[in-house]
Amino acid sequence: MKWKQVVLLSCLGTVFILGILRESECAAVPLDKTNKPEDQQRMKRQVFVSEQDASNFFKRRAKRSPKSRAEMMAEHSQRLAADERRKEYREEQYNEWENYVEEEQDEQYERSREKVESWRQWHFDGLYPPYQYNRYIY
């Protein structure tokens, strides 16, 4: 019994809402009760394309029809421009990476040179050349 009441109330609510919406104007197409037949014809001409224009549209460029030379050239120039932009971007990224690697190598070289120099200063025994095998004279 309960489900019958739920179905009945939902149907009544739907009918009520549809009744209210029928009387209100839509946002896209306002209801104008004073439409004249010539206005309707003018609106049809604005919305619909003539049959000849429509057939020319589909004849001009079907899915399997070959592209015109101008279309092919335009697509090719767009493809070349995209390739050039991609090439420039990759060159820029590669140059940045090279600069980064070069800086890292320079820093590594500088750190190792400083370590070797500090080791030599710490272990210097006054002899020349200050190598490890010159430390002990027999």
N, C-alpha and C. Protein backbone atom coordinates (compact mmCIF):
# COMPACT_ATOMS: atom_id res chain seq x y z
N MET A 1 0.82 -1.19 0.00
CA MET A 1 0.00 0.00 0.00
C MET A 1 0.87 1.25 0.00
N LYS A 2 1.97 1.20 0.70
CA LYS A 2 2.83 2.36 0.82
C LYS A 2 3.43 2.73 -0.54
N TRP A 3 3.83 1.76 -1.34
CA TRP A 3 4.46 2.06 -2.63
C TRP A 3 3.47 2.66 -3.60
N LYS A 4 2.19 2.32 -3.48
CA LYS A 4 1.16 2.92 -4.34
C LYS A 4 1.04 4.41 -4.06
N GLN A 5 1.11 4.76 -2.79
CA GLN A 5 1.02 6.18 -2.42
C GLN A 5 2.24 6.95 -2.95
N VAL A 6 3.41 6.35 -2.87
CA VAL A 6 4.63 7.01 -3.36
C VAL A 6 4.54 7.23 -4.87
N VAL A 7 4.07 6.23 -5.60
CA VAL A 7 3.95 6.34 -7.05
C VAL A 7 2.91 7.40 -7.41
N LEU A 8 1.77 7.39 -6.72
CA LEU A 8 0.71 8.36 -6.98
C LEU A 8 1.17 9.78 -6.71
N LEU A 9 1.85 10.01 -5.58
CA LEU A 9 2.34 11.34 -5.25
C LEU A 9 3.39 11.82 -6.25
N SER A 10 4.28 10.93 -6.69
CA SER A 10 5.30 11.34 -7.66
C SER A 10 4.66 11.67 -9.01
N CYS A 11 3.65 10.91 -9.42
CA CYS A 11 2.96 11.21 -10.69
C CYS A 11 2.22 12.54 -10.60
N LEU A 12 1.53 12.79 -9.49
CA LEU A 12 0.83 14.06 -9.31
C LEU A 12 1.81 15.24 -9.32
N GLY A 13 2.95 15.07 -8.67
CA GLY A 13 3.96 16.12 -8.67
C GLY A 13 4.50 16.39 -10.06
N THR A 14 4.71 15.35 -10.83
CA THR A 14 5.20 15.49 -12.20
C THR A 14 4.18 16.22 -13.06
N VAL A 15 2.91 15.85 -12.95
CA VAL A 15 1.85 16.51 -13.72
C VAL A 15 1.76 17.99 -13.34
N PHE A 16 1.86 18.28 -12.07
CA PHE A 16 1.80 19.67 -11.61
C PHE A 16 2.96 20.49 -12.17
N ILE A 17 4.16 19.96 -12.12
CA ILE A 17 5.33 20.66 -12.64
C ILE A 17 5.23 20.86 -14.14
N LEU A 18 4.80 19.85 -14.87
CA LEU A 18 4.63 19.99 -16.32
C LEU A 18 3.57 21.02 -16.68
N GLY A 19 2.51 21.08 -15.89
CA GLY A 19 1.47 22.08 -16.12
C GLY A 19 2.00 23.49 -15.93
N ILE A 20 2.81 23.69 -14.93
CA ILE A 20 3.39 25.01 -14.69
C ILE A 20 4.39 25.35 -15.79
N LEU A 21 5.22 24.40 -16.20
CA LEU A 21 6.23 24.67 -17.21
C LEU A 21 5.63 24.94 -18.58
N ARG A 22 4.46 24.37 -18.87
CA ARG A 22 3.83 24.59 -20.17
C ARG A 22 3.42 26.05 -20.33
N GLU A 23 2.99 26.66 -19.26
CA GLU A 23 2.54 28.04 -19.31
C GLU A 23 3.69 29.04 -19.30
N SER A 24 4.84 28.65 -18.80
CA SER A 24 5.97 29.60 -18.74
C SER A 24 6.70 29.61 -20.07
N GLU A 25 7.45 30.70 -20.31
CA GLU A 25 8.22 30.82 -21.54
C GLU A 25 9.59 30.18 -21.34
N CYS A 26 10.09 29.57 -22.40
CA CYS A 26 11.42 28.97 -22.35
C CYS A 26 12.46 30.06 -22.52
N ALA A 27 13.68 29.78 -22.07
CA ALA A 27 14.76 30.75 -22.20
C ALA A 27 15.26 30.81 -23.64
N ALA A 28 15.22 29.69 -24.35
CA ALA A 28 15.78 29.66 -25.70
C ALA A 28 14.78 30.21 -26.72
N VAL A 29 13.54 29.80 -26.66
CA VAL A 29 12.55 30.23 -27.64
C VAL A 29 11.32 30.73 -26.88
N PRO A 30 11.12 32.04 -26.85
CA PRO A 30 9.94 32.55 -26.15
C PRO A 30 8.67 32.21 -26.93
N LEU A 31 7.63 31.93 -26.20
CA LEU A 31 6.35 31.64 -26.84
C LEU A 31 5.70 32.95 -27.22
N ASP A 32 5.46 33.13 -28.52
CA ASP A 32 4.82 34.35 -28.99
C ASP A 32 3.52 33.94 -29.66
N LYS A 33 2.45 34.34 -29.07
CA LYS A 33 1.15 33.91 -29.57
C LYS A 33 0.70 34.76 -30.76
N THR A 34 1.41 35.86 -31.02
CA THR A 34 1.01 36.75 -32.12
C THR A 34 1.93 36.57 -33.32
N ASN A 35 2.42 35.37 -33.56
CA ASN A 35 3.29 35.11 -34.71
C ASN A 35 2.51 35.23 -36.01
N LYS A 36 3.14 35.86 -36.97
CA LYS A 36 2.54 35.97 -38.29
C LYS A 36 3.18 34.92 -39.20
N PRO A 37 2.51 34.47 -40.22
CA PRO A 37 3.07 33.45 -41.12
C PRO A 37 4.34 33.92 -41.82
N GLU A 38 4.43 35.21 -42.18
CA GLU A 38 5.66 35.68 -42.85
C GLU A 38 6.84 35.69 -41.91
N ASP A 39 6.59 35.91 -40.61
CA ASP A 39 7.68 35.83 -39.62
C ASP A 39 8.19 34.40 -39.51
N GLN A 40 7.26 33.45 -39.57
CA GLN A 40 7.67 32.04 -39.49
C GLN A 40 8.50 31.65 -40.70
N GLN A 41 8.14 32.13 -41.87
CA GLN A 41 8.93 31.83 -43.08
C GLN A 41 10.31 32.46 -42.98
N ARG A 42 10.38 33.68 -42.47
CA ARG A 42 11.68 34.35 -42.32
C ARG A 42 12.57 33.58 -41.34
N MET A 43 11.97 33.11 -40.26
CA MET A 43 12.75 32.34 -39.28
C MET A 43 13.23 31.02 -39.89
N LYS A 44 12.39 30.39 -40.71
CA LYS A 44 12.81 29.14 -41.35
C LYS A 44 13.99 29.39 -42.29
N ARG A 45 13.95 30.51 -43.01
CA ARG A 45 15.06 30.82 -43.91
C ARG A 45 16.35 31.08 -43.14
N GLN A 46 16.23 31.65 -41.95
CA GLN A 46 17.43 31.91 -41.15
C GLN A 46 18.02 30.62 -40.60
N VAL A 47 17.17 29.69 -40.24
CA VAL A 47 17.64 28.46 -39.60
C VAL A 47 18.13 27.45 -40.62
N PHE A 48 17.36 27.25 -41.69
CA PHE A 48 17.67 26.20 -42.64
C PHE A 48 18.41 26.75 -43.84
N VAL A 49 19.29 25.93 -44.40
CA VAL A 49 20.06 26.28 -45.59
C VAL A 49 19.31 25.75 -46.80
N SER A 50 19.44 26.43 -47.91
CA SER A 50 18.75 25.95 -49.10
C SER A 50 19.33 24.60 -49.53
N GLU A 51 18.54 23.85 -50.28
CA GLU A 51 18.95 22.50 -50.66
C GLU A 51 20.20 22.51 -51.52
N GLN A 52 20.30 23.48 -52.41
CA GLN A 52 21.47 23.56 -53.28
C GLN A 52 22.74 23.84 -52.47
N ASP A 53 22.65 24.76 -51.50
CA ASP A 53 23.82 25.06 -50.65
C ASP A 53 24.22 23.84 -49.83
N ALA A 54 23.23 23.11 -49.34
CA ALA A 54 23.53 21.92 -48.54
C ALA A 54 24.21 20.86 -49.39
N SER A 55 23.72 20.64 -50.60
CA SER A 55 24.34 19.61 -51.45
C SER A 55 25.74 20.05 -51.87
N ASN A 56 25.95 21.34 -52.13
CA ASN A 56 27.28 21.84 -52.47
C ASN A 56 28.24 21.66 -51.30
N PHE A 57 27.71 21.85 -50.10
CA PHE A 57 28.56 21.69 -48.91
C PHE A 57 29.10 20.27 -48.84
N PHE A 58 28.23 19.28 -49.07
CA PHE A 58 28.69 17.90 -48.97
C PHE A 58 29.48 17.46 -50.19
N LYS A 59 29.20 18.04 -51.36
CA LYS A 59 29.97 17.70 -52.55
C LYS A 59 31.38 18.27 -52.47
N ARG A 60 31.46 19.45 -51.88
CA ARG A 60 32.75 20.14 -51.84
C ARG A 60 33.80 19.31 -51.12
N ARG A 61 33.43 18.68 -50.02
CA ARG A 61 34.43 17.95 -49.26
C ARG A 61 33.80 16.74 -48.60
N ALA A 62 33.77 15.63 -49.29
CA ALA A 62 33.29 14.38 -48.70
C ALA A 62 34.43 13.78 -47.90
N LYS A 63 34.10 12.74 -47.16
CA LYS A 63 35.10 12.14 -46.28
C LYS A 63 36.25 11.51 -47.06
N ARG A 64 35.92 10.87 -48.17
CA ARG A 64 36.95 10.16 -48.92
C ARG A 64 37.44 10.94 -50.14
N SER A 65 36.92 12.13 -50.33
CA SER A 65 37.36 12.89 -51.51
C SER A 65 38.77 13.41 -51.28
N PRO A 66 39.55 13.53 -52.34
CA PRO A 66 40.92 14.02 -52.17
C PRO A 66 40.92 15.49 -51.79
N LYS A 67 41.92 15.88 -51.03
CA LYS A 67 42.03 17.27 -50.60
C LYS A 67 42.55 18.11 -51.76
N SER A 68 42.17 19.36 -51.73
CA SER A 68 42.66 20.26 -52.76
C SER A 68 44.14 20.57 -52.48
N ARG A 69 44.80 21.10 -53.49
CA ARG A 69 46.22 21.42 -53.34
C ARG A 69 46.43 22.48 -52.26
N ALA A 70 45.53 23.44 -52.20
CA ALA A 70 45.65 24.50 -51.19
C ALA A 70 45.53 23.91 -49.78
N GLU A 71 44.57 22.97 -49.60
CA GLU A 71 44.43 22.34 -48.28
C GLU A 71 45.67 21.55 -47.92
N MET A 72 46.20 20.82 -48.90
CA MET A 72 47.40 20.03 -48.63
C MET A 72 48.58 20.93 -48.27
N MET A 73 48.72 22.04 -49.00
CA MET A 73 49.83 22.95 -48.72
C MET A 73 49.66 23.60 -47.35
N ALA A 74 48.43 23.96 -46.99
CA ALA A 74 48.19 24.57 -45.68
C ALA A 74 48.51 23.59 -44.56
N GLU A 75 48.05 22.34 -44.70
CA GLU A 75 48.35 21.33 -43.68
C GLU A 75 49.84 21.06 -43.59
N HIS A 76 50.50 21.03 -44.74
CA HIS A 76 51.94 20.78 -44.75
C HIS A 76 52.69 21.93 -44.07
N SER A 77 52.29 23.16 -44.34
CA SER A 77 52.97 24.29 -43.70
C SER A 77 52.71 24.29 -42.19
N GLN A 78 51.51 23.91 -41.78
CA GLN A 78 51.23 23.81 -40.34
C GLN A 78 52.07 22.72 -39.70
N ARG A 79 52.20 21.59 -40.40
CA ARG A 79 53.01 20.49 -39.88
C ARG A 79 54.48 20.91 -39.76
N LEU A 80 54.97 21.63 -40.79
CA LEU A 80 56.37 22.10 -40.73
C LEU A 80 56.57 23.09 -39.60
N ALA A 81 55.61 23.97 -39.40
CA ALA A 81 55.73 24.95 -38.31
C ALA A 81 55.73 24.24 -36.95
N ALA A 82 54.87 23.23 -36.80
CA ALA A 82 54.83 22.48 -35.54
C ALA A 82 56.14 21.73 -35.33
N ASP A 83 56.68 21.14 -36.40
CA ASP A 83 57.95 20.44 -36.29
C ASP A 83 59.07 21.40 -35.89
N GLU A 84 59.06 22.59 -36.47
CA GLU A 84 60.09 23.58 -36.15
C GLU A 84 59.99 24.01 -34.68
N ARG A 85 58.76 24.23 -34.20
CA ARG A 85 58.59 24.59 -32.78
C ARG A 85 59.06 23.47 -31.88
N ARG A 86 58.73 22.23 -32.24
CA ARG A 86 59.16 21.08 -31.44
C ARG A 86 60.68 20.97 -31.43
N LYS A 87 61.29 21.19 -32.58
CA LYS A 87 62.75 21.12 -32.68
C LYS A 87 63.41 22.19 -31.83
N GLU A 88 62.89 23.42 -31.89
CA GLU A 88 63.45 24.50 -31.08
C GLU A 88 63.29 24.21 -29.60
N TYR A 89 62.15 23.68 -29.21
CA TYR A 89 61.92 23.36 -27.80
C TYR A 89 62.91 22.30 -27.33
N ARG A 90 63.10 21.26 -28.14
CA ARG A 90 64.02 20.20 -27.75
C ARG A 90 65.46 20.70 -27.70
N GLU A 91 65.84 21.55 -28.65
CA GLU A 91 67.19 22.12 -28.61
C GLU A 91 67.39 22.96 -27.34
N GLU A 92 66.37 23.73 -27.00
CA GLU A 92 66.46 24.55 -25.79
C GLU A 92 66.60 23.67 -24.55
N GLN A 93 65.79 22.61 -24.48
CA GLN A 93 65.88 21.71 -23.34
C GLN A 93 67.24 21.02 -23.28
N TYR A 94 67.77 20.63 -24.44
CA TYR A 94 69.06 19.97 -24.48
C TYR A 94 70.17 20.94 -24.05
N ASN A 95 70.10 22.20 -24.50
CA ASN A 95 71.10 23.18 -24.09
C ASN A 95 71.05 23.44 -22.59
N GLU A 96 69.85 23.51 -22.05
CA GLU A 96 69.73 23.69 -20.59
C GLU A 96 70.33 22.50 -19.86
N TRP A 97 70.07 21.30 -20.36
CA TRP A 97 70.62 20.11 -19.71
C TRP A 97 72.14 20.10 -19.81
N GLU A 98 72.67 20.47 -20.99
CA GLU A 98 74.13 20.53 -21.15
C GLU A 98 74.75 21.54 -20.18
N ASN A 99 74.14 22.71 -20.05
CA ASN A 99 74.64 23.71 -19.12
C ASN A 99 74.61 23.19 -17.69
N TYR A 100 73.54 22.51 -17.33
CA TYR A 100 73.43 21.96 -15.99
C TYR A 100 74.53 20.93 -15.74
N VAL A 101 74.74 20.03 -16.70
CA VAL A 101 75.77 18.99 -16.54
C VAL A 101 77.15 19.63 -16.45
N GLU A 102 77.40 20.64 -17.27
CA GLU A 102 78.70 21.30 -17.25
C GLU A 102 78.95 21.98 -15.91
N GLU A 103 77.92 22.64 -15.36
CA GLU A 103 78.07 23.27 -14.05
C GLU A 103 78.32 22.22 -12.96
N GLU A 104 77.60 21.12 -13.04
CA GLU A 104 77.80 20.06 -12.04
C GLU A 104 79.22 19.50 -12.12
N GLN A 105 79.70 19.29 -13.35
CA GLN A 105 81.06 18.76 -13.50
C GLN A 105 82.10 19.76 -12.99
N ASP A 106 81.88 21.04 -13.27
CA ASP A 106 82.80 22.06 -12.77
C ASP A 106 82.81 22.10 -11.25
N GLU A 107 81.62 22.02 -10.65
CA GLU A 107 81.56 22.02 -9.19
C GLU A 107 82.24 20.79 -8.62
N GLN A 108 82.02 19.64 -9.24
CA GLN A 108 82.65 18.40 -8.77
C GLN A 108 84.16 18.50 -8.89
N TYR A 109 84.65 19.04 -10.01
CA TYR A 109 86.09 19.20 -10.21
C TYR A 109 86.65 20.15 -9.16
N GLU A 110 85.95 21.24 -8.89
CA GLU A 110 86.42 22.21 -7.90
C GLU A 110 86.46 21.59 -6.50
N ARG A 111 85.43 20.82 -6.15
CA ARG A 111 85.42 20.18 -4.82
C ARG A 111 86.56 19.18 -4.70
N SER A 112 86.78 18.36 -5.73
CA SER A 112 87.86 17.37 -5.64
C SER A 112 89.23 18.06 -5.61
N ARG A 113 89.39 19.15 -6.37
CA ARG A 113 90.65 19.88 -6.36
C ARG A 113 90.90 20.49 -4.98
N GLU A 114 89.85 21.05 -4.37
CA GLU A 114 90.01 21.61 -3.02
C GLU A 114 90.36 20.54 -2.01
N LYS A 115 89.74 19.36 -2.14
CA LYS A 115 90.05 18.27 -1.20
C LYS A 115 91.50 17.83 -1.35
N VAL A 116 91.95 17.68 -2.59
CA VAL A 116 93.33 17.24 -2.82
C VAL A 116 94.30 18.30 -2.30
N GLU A 117 93.99 19.55 -2.54
CA GLU A 117 94.87 20.62 -2.09
C GLU A 117 94.94 20.68 -0.57
N SER A 118 93.79 20.54 0.08
CA SER A 118 93.80 20.56 1.55
C SER A 118 94.53 19.34 2.11
N TRP A 119 94.39 18.19 1.45
CA TRP A 119 95.10 17.00 1.90
C TRP A 119 96.61 17.22 1.78
N ARG A 120 97.04 17.82 0.67
CA ARG A 120 98.47 18.06 0.47
C ARG A 120 99.00 19.05 1.50
N GLN A 121 98.22 20.09 1.80
CA GLN A 121 98.68 21.04 2.81
C GLN A 121 98.77 20.39 4.18
N TRP A 122 97.83 19.57 4.50
CA TRP A 122 97.82 18.92 5.82
C TRP A 122 98.97 17.94 5.96
N HIS A 123 99.28 17.20 4.90
CA HIS A 123 100.30 16.17 4.96
C HIS A 123 101.66 16.63 4.44
N PHE A 124 101.83 17.90 4.18
CA PHE A 124 103.10 18.38 3.64
C PHE A 124 104.20 18.21 4.69
N ASP A 125 105.32 17.61 4.28
CA ASP A 125 106.39 17.32 5.24
C ASP A 125 107.63 18.17 4.99
N GLY A 126 107.55 19.18 4.14
CA GLY A 126 108.69 20.06 3.90
C GLY A 126 109.59 19.60 2.79
N LEU A 127 109.42 18.45 2.27
CA LEU A 127 110.24 17.95 1.18
C LEU A 127 109.60 18.30 -0.15
N TYR A 128 110.41 18.35 -1.16
CA TYR A 128 109.88 18.64 -2.47
C TYR A 128 110.25 17.50 -3.41
N PRO A 129 109.45 16.99 -4.21
CA PRO A 129 108.00 17.22 -4.30
C PRO A 129 107.27 16.55 -3.15
N PRO A 130 106.19 17.12 -2.68
CA PRO A 130 105.52 16.63 -1.47
C PRO A 130 104.65 15.41 -1.76
N TYR A 131 105.26 14.31 -2.15
CA TYR A 131 104.50 13.10 -2.40
C TYR A 131 104.64 12.16 -1.24
N GLN A 132 103.81 11.19 -1.22
CA GLN A 132 103.75 10.26 -0.10
C GLN A 132 105.05 9.46 0.00
N TYR A 133 105.65 9.10 -1.12
CA TYR A 133 106.86 8.26 -1.03
C TYR A 133 108.08 9.06 -0.64
N ASN A 134 108.03 10.37 -0.58
CA ASN A 134 109.16 11.18 -0.13
C ASN A 134 109.12 11.48 1.35
N ARG A 135 108.20 10.95 2.06
CA ARG A 135 108.06 11.29 3.48
C ARG A 135 109.20 10.71 4.33
N TYR A 136 109.57 9.53 4.03
CA TYR A 136 110.58 8.86 4.87
C TYR A 136 111.87 8.71 4.09
N ILE A 137 112.92 9.26 4.65
CA ILE A 137 114.23 9.12 4.00
C ILE A 137 115.01 8.10 4.78
N TYR A 138 115.54 7.11 4.12
CA TYR A 138 116.30 6.06 4.78
C TYR A 138 117.76 6.27 4.65
